[in-house]
N, C-alpha and C. Protein backbone atom coordinates (compact mmCIF):
# COMPACT_ATOMS: atom_id res chain seq x y z
N MET A 1 2.95 -1.84 -16.13
CA MET A 1 2.61 -1.71 -17.53
C MET A 1 1.23 -1.09 -17.70
N ALA A 2 1.06 -0.37 -18.77
CA ALA A 2 -0.21 0.28 -19.06
C ALA A 2 -1.23 -0.75 -19.55
N LYS A 3 -2.48 -0.44 -19.31
CA LYS A 3 -3.57 -1.30 -19.78
C LYS A 3 -4.23 -0.61 -20.97
N ILE A 4 -4.70 -1.42 -21.91
CA ILE A 4 -5.38 -0.92 -23.09
C ILE A 4 -6.72 -1.63 -23.22
N LYS A 5 -7.77 -0.84 -23.45
CA LYS A 5 -9.09 -1.40 -23.71
C LYS A 5 -9.31 -1.41 -25.21
N VAL A 6 -9.62 -2.58 -25.75
CA VAL A 6 -9.80 -2.75 -27.19
C VAL A 6 -11.26 -3.11 -27.44
N THR A 7 -11.91 -2.33 -28.32
CA THR A 7 -13.32 -2.55 -28.65
C THR A 7 -13.45 -2.77 -30.14
N GLN A 8 -14.16 -3.83 -30.51
CA GLN A 8 -14.38 -4.10 -31.94
C GLN A 8 -15.49 -3.18 -32.44
N VAL A 9 -15.23 -2.45 -33.53
CA VAL A 9 -16.22 -1.51 -34.07
C VAL A 9 -16.68 -1.87 -35.48
N LYS A 10 -15.99 -2.77 -36.15
CA LYS A 10 -16.40 -3.21 -37.48
C LYS A 10 -16.42 -4.74 -37.53
N SER A 11 -17.17 -5.26 -38.47
CA SER A 11 -17.34 -6.70 -38.61
C SER A 11 -16.10 -7.36 -39.21
N SER A 12 -15.94 -8.63 -38.89
CA SER A 12 -14.83 -9.40 -39.46
C SER A 12 -15.26 -10.19 -40.70
N ILE A 13 -16.51 -10.02 -41.11
CA ILE A 13 -16.99 -10.69 -42.32
C ILE A 13 -16.27 -10.10 -43.54
N LYS A 14 -15.90 -10.95 -44.45
CA LYS A 14 -15.16 -10.59 -45.68
C LYS A 14 -13.79 -10.02 -45.38
N ARG A 15 -13.17 -10.44 -44.29
CA ARG A 15 -11.80 -10.05 -43.97
C ARG A 15 -10.90 -11.24 -44.18
N MET A 16 -9.61 -10.97 -44.28
CA MET A 16 -8.65 -12.06 -44.45
C MET A 16 -8.68 -12.97 -43.22
N GLN A 17 -8.38 -14.24 -43.44
CA GLN A 17 -8.42 -15.22 -42.34
C GLN A 17 -7.47 -14.83 -41.21
N SER A 18 -6.31 -14.25 -41.55
CA SER A 18 -5.35 -13.86 -40.51
C SER A 18 -5.92 -12.75 -39.63
N GLN A 19 -6.70 -11.85 -40.21
CA GLN A 19 -7.32 -10.79 -39.41
C GLN A 19 -8.41 -11.35 -38.51
N LYS A 20 -9.17 -12.30 -38.99
CA LYS A 20 -10.20 -12.95 -38.17
C LYS A 20 -9.56 -13.66 -36.98
N ARG A 21 -8.46 -14.36 -37.24
CA ARG A 21 -7.77 -15.08 -36.17
C ARG A 21 -7.14 -14.13 -35.16
N THR A 22 -6.67 -12.98 -35.64
CA THR A 22 -6.10 -11.98 -34.74
C THR A 22 -7.17 -11.43 -33.81
N LEU A 23 -8.35 -11.13 -34.35
CA LEU A 23 -9.45 -10.66 -33.50
C LEU A 23 -9.83 -11.72 -32.46
N GLU A 24 -9.87 -12.97 -32.89
CA GLU A 24 -10.20 -14.05 -31.97
C GLU A 24 -9.13 -14.20 -30.89
N ALA A 25 -7.87 -14.05 -31.27
CA ALA A 25 -6.78 -14.16 -30.30
C ALA A 25 -6.81 -13.01 -29.30
N LEU A 26 -7.30 -11.85 -29.73
CA LEU A 26 -7.45 -10.73 -28.81
C LEU A 26 -8.64 -10.93 -27.87
N GLY A 27 -9.52 -11.86 -28.19
CA GLY A 27 -10.67 -12.12 -27.35
C GLY A 27 -11.92 -11.39 -27.80
N LEU A 28 -11.90 -10.85 -29.01
CA LEU A 28 -13.04 -10.12 -29.54
C LEU A 28 -13.91 -11.05 -30.36
N ARG A 29 -15.19 -11.09 -30.05
CA ARG A 29 -16.08 -12.04 -30.70
C ARG A 29 -17.27 -11.38 -31.39
N GLY A 30 -17.28 -10.05 -31.49
CA GLY A 30 -18.38 -9.39 -32.19
C GLY A 30 -18.30 -7.89 -32.02
N ILE A 31 -19.09 -7.20 -32.82
CA ILE A 31 -19.11 -5.74 -32.77
C ILE A 31 -19.63 -5.29 -31.41
N GLY A 32 -18.93 -4.33 -30.83
CA GLY A 32 -19.33 -3.80 -29.53
C GLY A 32 -18.69 -4.50 -28.34
N LYS A 33 -18.06 -5.62 -28.57
CA LYS A 33 -17.40 -6.35 -27.48
C LYS A 33 -16.07 -5.68 -27.16
N ALA A 34 -15.71 -5.68 -25.88
CA ALA A 34 -14.48 -5.01 -25.45
C ALA A 34 -13.70 -5.93 -24.52
N VAL A 35 -12.38 -5.83 -24.58
CA VAL A 35 -11.48 -6.57 -23.70
C VAL A 35 -10.38 -5.64 -23.25
N THR A 36 -9.75 -5.98 -22.13
CA THR A 36 -8.64 -5.20 -21.60
C THR A 36 -7.39 -6.06 -21.62
N HIS A 37 -6.29 -5.49 -22.10
CA HIS A 37 -5.01 -6.20 -22.18
C HIS A 37 -3.90 -5.31 -21.65
N GLU A 38 -2.80 -5.94 -21.27
CA GLU A 38 -1.58 -5.20 -20.95
C GLU A 38 -0.99 -4.69 -22.27
N ALA A 39 -0.31 -3.55 -22.23
CA ALA A 39 0.26 -2.96 -23.44
C ALA A 39 1.64 -3.54 -23.72
N THR A 40 1.69 -4.82 -24.05
CA THR A 40 2.94 -5.48 -24.39
C THR A 40 3.19 -5.34 -25.89
N PRO A 41 4.42 -5.51 -26.33
CA PRO A 41 4.71 -5.43 -27.78
C PRO A 41 3.88 -6.43 -28.60
N ASN A 42 3.63 -7.61 -28.06
CA ASN A 42 2.84 -8.61 -28.79
C ASN A 42 1.42 -8.12 -29.02
N ILE A 43 0.79 -7.62 -27.98
CA ILE A 43 -0.59 -7.14 -28.08
C ILE A 43 -0.67 -5.90 -28.98
N LEU A 44 0.29 -5.00 -28.85
CA LEU A 44 0.30 -3.79 -29.69
C LEU A 44 0.45 -4.14 -31.16
N GLY A 45 1.24 -5.16 -31.48
CA GLY A 45 1.39 -5.61 -32.86
C GLY A 45 0.10 -6.22 -33.39
N MET A 46 -0.60 -6.96 -32.56
CA MET A 46 -1.88 -7.54 -32.98
C MET A 46 -2.90 -6.44 -33.23
N ILE A 47 -2.92 -5.43 -32.37
CA ILE A 47 -3.84 -4.32 -32.54
C ILE A 47 -3.52 -3.56 -33.82
N ARG A 48 -2.25 -3.36 -34.10
CA ARG A 48 -1.84 -2.66 -35.31
C ARG A 48 -2.30 -3.39 -36.56
N LYS A 49 -2.34 -4.71 -36.49
CA LYS A 49 -2.75 -5.52 -37.65
C LYS A 49 -4.23 -5.35 -37.98
N VAL A 50 -5.05 -5.10 -36.96
CA VAL A 50 -6.50 -4.96 -37.17
C VAL A 50 -7.01 -3.60 -36.72
N GLU A 51 -6.15 -2.57 -36.81
CA GLU A 51 -6.52 -1.25 -36.30
C GLU A 51 -7.71 -0.63 -37.01
N HIS A 52 -8.00 -1.08 -38.24
CA HIS A 52 -9.15 -0.57 -38.98
C HIS A 52 -10.46 -1.19 -38.50
N LEU A 53 -10.38 -2.22 -37.66
CA LEU A 53 -11.58 -2.90 -37.16
C LEU A 53 -11.84 -2.62 -35.68
N VAL A 54 -10.90 -2.01 -34.99
CA VAL A 54 -11.03 -1.83 -33.55
C VAL A 54 -10.79 -0.37 -33.14
N LYS A 55 -11.21 -0.07 -31.91
CA LYS A 55 -10.94 1.23 -31.30
C LYS A 55 -10.21 0.95 -29.99
N THR A 56 -9.16 1.70 -29.70
CA THR A 56 -8.40 1.48 -28.47
C THR A 56 -8.43 2.71 -27.59
N THR A 57 -8.43 2.47 -26.28
CA THR A 57 -8.35 3.53 -25.29
C THR A 57 -7.48 3.05 -24.14
N GLU A 58 -6.75 3.96 -23.52
CA GLU A 58 -5.95 3.60 -22.35
C GLU A 58 -6.85 3.58 -21.13
N VAL A 59 -6.57 2.62 -20.26
CA VAL A 59 -7.38 2.48 -19.05
C VAL A 59 -6.58 2.97 -17.87
C-alpha cells in the first residue's frame, strides 16, 4: 500500500467539532506537524473531510 504524508497547514480554531476530532484522529496536533499513514479508504476519507486544513504528499 502507498504511504501518504499529511501536514497541517491551517488552524483548527473556529472549526466544527467533527473537523477538530478528525485532525486529532489523524494525529495532527498543530500547524506544521506532519504524520505518515497508509493510503487506506478510511484515512483517505478523513483527509477528504479536512482537505482545506491539510496538505498531502505521497511518500
